[in-house]
């Protein structure tokens, strides 16, 4: 099950990275994807890298668990920095909804990674 979730999250994050790159301009309004999430090159790279890593991690259950735990901690750190620094992280700007996205992804990723059967 954890491998299937890795594939699904990989597809979703790659889709966000591609859409944020301007492939579907109707989904981007005022520099915001779906009207909520910041769109810039760094966000797109984060989404694409996460999606690619998730698809690669789907090769093995142990690797998938490690992916969800490590990226869950990474997203928690990004969300925490976004809140602590009021949206201005060292390498990218986070809007309020970006913090929600990263916090939600961190919680979901950690739940999946920590609760997956051995």
C-alpha atoms as a PDB file:
ATOM      1  CA  UNK A   1       0.000   0.000   0.000  1.00  0.00           C
ATOM      2  CA  UNK A   2       2.807   2.418   0.840  1.00  0.00           C
ATOM      3  CA  UNK A   3       4.280   1.906  -2.640  1.00  0.00           C
ATOM      4  CA  UNK A   4       0.938   2.746  -4.278  1.00  0.00           C
ATOM      5  CA  UNK A   5       0.697   5.913  -2.184  1.00  0.00           C
ATOM      6  CA  UNK A   6       4.234   6.851  -3.247  1.00  0.00           C
ATOM      7  CA  UNK A   7       3.209   6.567  -6.903  1.00  0.00           C
ATOM      8  CA  UNK A   8       0.023   8.601  -6.357  1.00  0.00           C
ATOM      9  CA  UNK A   9       1.825  11.364  -4.462  1.00  0.00           C
ATOM     10  CA  UNK A  10       4.581  11.344  -7.090  1.00  0.00           C
ATOM     11  CA  UNK A  11       2.072  11.910  -9.867  1.00  0.00           C
ATOM     12  CA  UNK A  12       0.290  14.640  -7.880  1.00  0.00           C
ATOM     13  CA  UNK A  13       3.485  16.562  -7.095  1.00  0.00           C
ATOM     14  CA  UNK A  14       4.789  16.298 -10.655  1.00  0.00           C
ATOM     15  CA  UNK A  15       1.417  17.586 -11.878  1.00  0.00           C
ATOM     16  CA  UNK A  16       1.686  20.583  -9.518  1.00  0.00           C
ATOM     17  CA  UNK A  17       5.232  21.304 -10.700  1.00  0.00           C
ATOM     18  CA  UNK A  18       4.262  21.117 -14.363  1.00  0.00           C
ATOM     19  CA  UNK A  19       1.078  23.163 -13.946  1.00  0.00           C
ATOM     20  CA  UNK A  20       2.972  25.760 -11.906  1.00  0.00           C
ATOM     21  CA  UNK A  21       5.416  26.074 -14.789  1.00  0.00           C
ATOM     22  CA  UNK A  22       2.693  27.661 -16.894  1.00  0.00           C
ATOM     23  CA  UNK A  23       1.599  24.701 -19.000  1.00  0.00           C
ATOM     24  CA  UNK A  24      -2.024  25.424 -18.078  1.00  0.00           C
ATOM     25  CA  UNK A  25      -2.150  29.222 -17.665  1.00  0.00           C
ATOM     26  CA  UNK A  26      -5.865  29.222 -16.816  1.00  0.00           C
ATOM     27  CA  UNK A  27      -5.025  27.532 -13.491  1.00  0.00           C
ATOM     28  CA  UNK A  28      -2.674  30.369 -12.505  1.00  0.00           C
ATOM     29  CA  UNK A  29      -4.202  33.666 -11.383  1.00  0.00           C
ATOM     30  CA  UNK A  30      -2.125  36.595 -10.104  1.00  0.00           C
ATOM     31  CA  UNK A  31       0.920  34.366  -9.659  1.00  0.00           C
ATOM     32  CA  UNK A  32      -1.020  31.814  -7.611  1.00  0.00           C
ATOM     33  CA  UNK A  33      -1.684  28.210  -8.613  1.00  0.00           C
ATOM     34  CA  UNK A  34      -5.413  27.480  -8.242  1.00  0.00           C
ATOM     35  CA  UNK A  35      -5.629  30.984  -6.750  1.00  0.00           C
ATOM     36  CA  UNK A  36      -3.935  29.908  -3.493  1.00  0.00           C
ATOM     37  CA  UNK A  37      -0.394  28.520  -3.863  1.00  0.00           C
ATOM     38  CA  UNK A  38       2.647  30.604  -4.849  1.00  0.00           C
ATOM     39  CA  UNK A  39       4.083  29.922  -8.284  1.00  0.00           C
ATOM     40  CA  UNK A  40       7.758  30.461  -8.922  1.00  0.00           C
ATOM     41  CA  UNK A  41      10.708  28.458 -10.173  1.00  0.00           C
ATOM     42  CA  UNK A  42      11.759  27.282  -6.703  1.00  0.00           C
ATOM     43  CA  UNK A  43       8.287  25.984  -5.821  1.00  0.00           C
ATOM     44  CA  UNK A  44       8.127  24.161  -9.151  1.00  0.00           C
ATOM     45  CA  UNK A  45      11.533  22.586  -8.525  1.00  0.00           C
ATOM     46  CA  UNK A  46      10.469  21.469  -5.040  1.00  0.00           C
ATOM     47  CA  UNK A  47       7.278  19.910  -6.416  1.00  0.00           C
ATOM     48  CA  UNK A  48       9.047  18.216  -9.335  1.00  0.00           C
ATOM     49  CA  UNK A  49      11.875  16.908  -7.144  1.00  0.00           C
ATOM     50  CA  UNK A  50       9.401  15.592  -4.582  1.00  0.00           C
ATOM     51  CA  UNK A  51       7.359  13.896  -7.293  1.00  0.00           C
ATOM     52  CA  UNK A  52      10.402  12.326  -8.921  1.00  0.00           C
ATOM     53  CA  UNK A  53      11.768  11.131  -5.573  1.00  0.00           C
ATOM     54  CA  UNK A  54       8.375   9.691  -4.689  1.00  0.00           C
ATOM     55  CA  UNK A  55       8.184   7.734  -7.943  1.00  0.00           C
ATOM     56  CA  UNK A  56      11.726   6.450  -7.480  1.00  0.00           C
ATOM     57  CA  UNK A  57      10.957   5.486  -3.870  1.00  0.00           C
ATOM     58  CA  UNK A  58       8.029   3.373  -5.050  1.00  0.00           C
ATOM     59  CA  UNK A  59      10.425   0.626  -6.152  1.00  0.00           C
ATOM     60  CA  UNK A  60      10.563  -0.838  -2.648  1.00  0.00           C
ATOM     61  CA  UNK A  61       8.407  -0.728   0.493  1.00  0.00           C
ATOM     62  CA  UNK A  62      11.350   0.111   2.763  1.00  0.00           C
ATOM     63  CA  UNK A  63      12.502   2.925   0.487  1.00  0.00           C
ATOM     64  CA  UNK A  64       8.928   4.246   0.285  1.00  0.00           C
ATOM     65  CA  UNK A  65       8.674   4.350   4.085  1.00  0.00           C
ATOM     66  CA  UNK A  66      12.006   6.165   4.328  1.00  0.00           C
ATOM     67  CA  UNK A  67      10.894   8.630   1.639  1.00  0.00           C
ATOM     68  CA  UNK A  68       7.669   9.490   3.474  1.00  0.00           C
ATOM     69  CA  UNK A  69       9.481   9.962   6.790  1.00  0.00           C
ATOM     70  CA  UNK A  70      12.346  12.058   5.372  1.00  0.00           C
ATOM     71  CA  UNK A  71      10.184  14.223   3.141  1.00  0.00           C
ATOM     72  CA  UNK A  72       7.612  14.564   5.928  1.00  0.00           C
ATOM     73  CA  UNK A  73      10.316  15.970   8.177  1.00  0.00           C
ATOM     74  CA  UNK A  74      11.546  18.188   5.328  1.00  0.00           C
ATOM     75  CA  UNK A  75       8.091  19.598   4.642  1.00  0.00           C
ATOM     76  CA  UNK A  76       7.583  20.155   8.379  1.00  0.00           C
ATOM     77  CA  UNK A  77      10.827  22.150   8.431  1.00  0.00           C
ATOM     78  CA  UNK A  78       9.771  24.215   5.402  1.00  0.00           C
ATOM     79  CA  UNK A  79       6.355  24.908   6.951  1.00  0.00           C
ATOM     80  CA  UNK A  80       7.960  25.828  10.268  1.00  0.00           C
ATOM     81  CA  UNK A  81      10.398  28.210   8.602  1.00  0.00           C
ATOM     82  CA  UNK A  82       7.543  29.733   6.603  1.00  0.00           C
ATOM     83  CA  UNK A  83       5.599  30.460   9.784  1.00  0.00           C
ATOM     84  CA  UNK A  84       8.605  31.587  11.843  1.00  0.00           C
ATOM     85  CA  UNK A  85       9.948  33.876   9.138  1.00  0.00           C
ATOM     86  CA  UNK A  86       6.466  35.079   8.123  1.00  0.00           C
ATOM     87  CA  UNK A  87       6.565  33.509   4.679  1.00  0.00           C
ATOM     88  CA  UNK A  88      10.051  34.573   3.639  1.00  0.00           C
ATOM     89  CA  UNK A  89      12.204  31.456   3.707  1.00  0.00           C
ATOM     90  CA  UNK A  90      15.857  31.679   2.734  1.00  0.00           C
ATOM     91  CA  UNK A  91      15.353  30.182  -0.720  1.00  0.00           C
ATOM     92  CA  UNK A  92      11.681  30.843  -1.550  1.00  0.00           C
ATOM     93  CA  UNK A  93       8.627  32.819  -0.511  1.00  0.00           C
ATOM     94  CA  UNK A  94       5.743  30.976   1.145  1.00  0.00           C
ATOM     95  CA  UNK A  95       2.217  32.354   1.126  1.00  0.00           C
ATOM     96  CA  UNK A  96      -0.142  31.334   3.927  1.00  0.00           C
ATOM     97  CA  UNK A  97      -1.684  28.565   1.829  1.00  0.00           C
ATOM     98  CA  UNK A  98       1.788  27.247   0.972  1.00  0.00           C
ATOM     99  CA  UNK A  99       2.363  26.797   4.691  1.00  0.00           C
ATOM    100  CA  UNK A 100      -0.938  24.924   4.890  1.00  0.00           C
ATOM    101  CA  UNK A 101       0.098  22.721   1.963  1.00  0.00           C
ATOM    102  CA  UNK A 102       3.519  21.943   3.429  1.00  0.00           C
ATOM    103  CA  UNK A 103       2.074  21.354   6.911  1.00  0.00           C
ATOM    104  CA  UNK A 104      -0.600  19.045   5.532  1.00  0.00           C
ATOM    105  CA  UNK A 105       1.917  17.180   3.384  1.00  0.00           C
ATOM    106  CA  UNK A 106       4.236  16.804   6.385  1.00  0.00           C
ATOM    107  CA  UNK A 107       1.483  15.361   8.563  1.00  0.00           C
ATOM    108  CA  UNK A 108       0.233  12.995   5.860  1.00  0.00           C
ATOM    109  CA  UNK A 109       3.739  11.890   4.852  1.00  0.00           C
ATOM    110  CA  UNK A 110       4.756  11.229   8.458  1.00  0.00           C
ATOM    111  CA  UNK A 111       1.551   9.327   9.169  1.00  0.00           C
ATOM    112  CA  UNK A 112       2.092   7.147   6.107  1.00  0.00           C
ATOM    113  CA  UNK A 113       5.786   6.593   6.791  1.00  0.00           C
ATOM    114  CA  UNK A 114       5.430   5.852  10.484  1.00  0.00           C
ATOM    115  CA  UNK A 115       2.300   3.732  10.268  1.00  0.00           C
ATOM    116  CA  UNK A 116       3.285   1.562   7.293  1.00  0.00           C
ATOM    117  CA  UNK A 117       3.658  -2.096   8.210  1.00  0.00           C
ATOM    118  CA  UNK A 118       7.178  -3.439   8.388  1.00  0.00           C
END
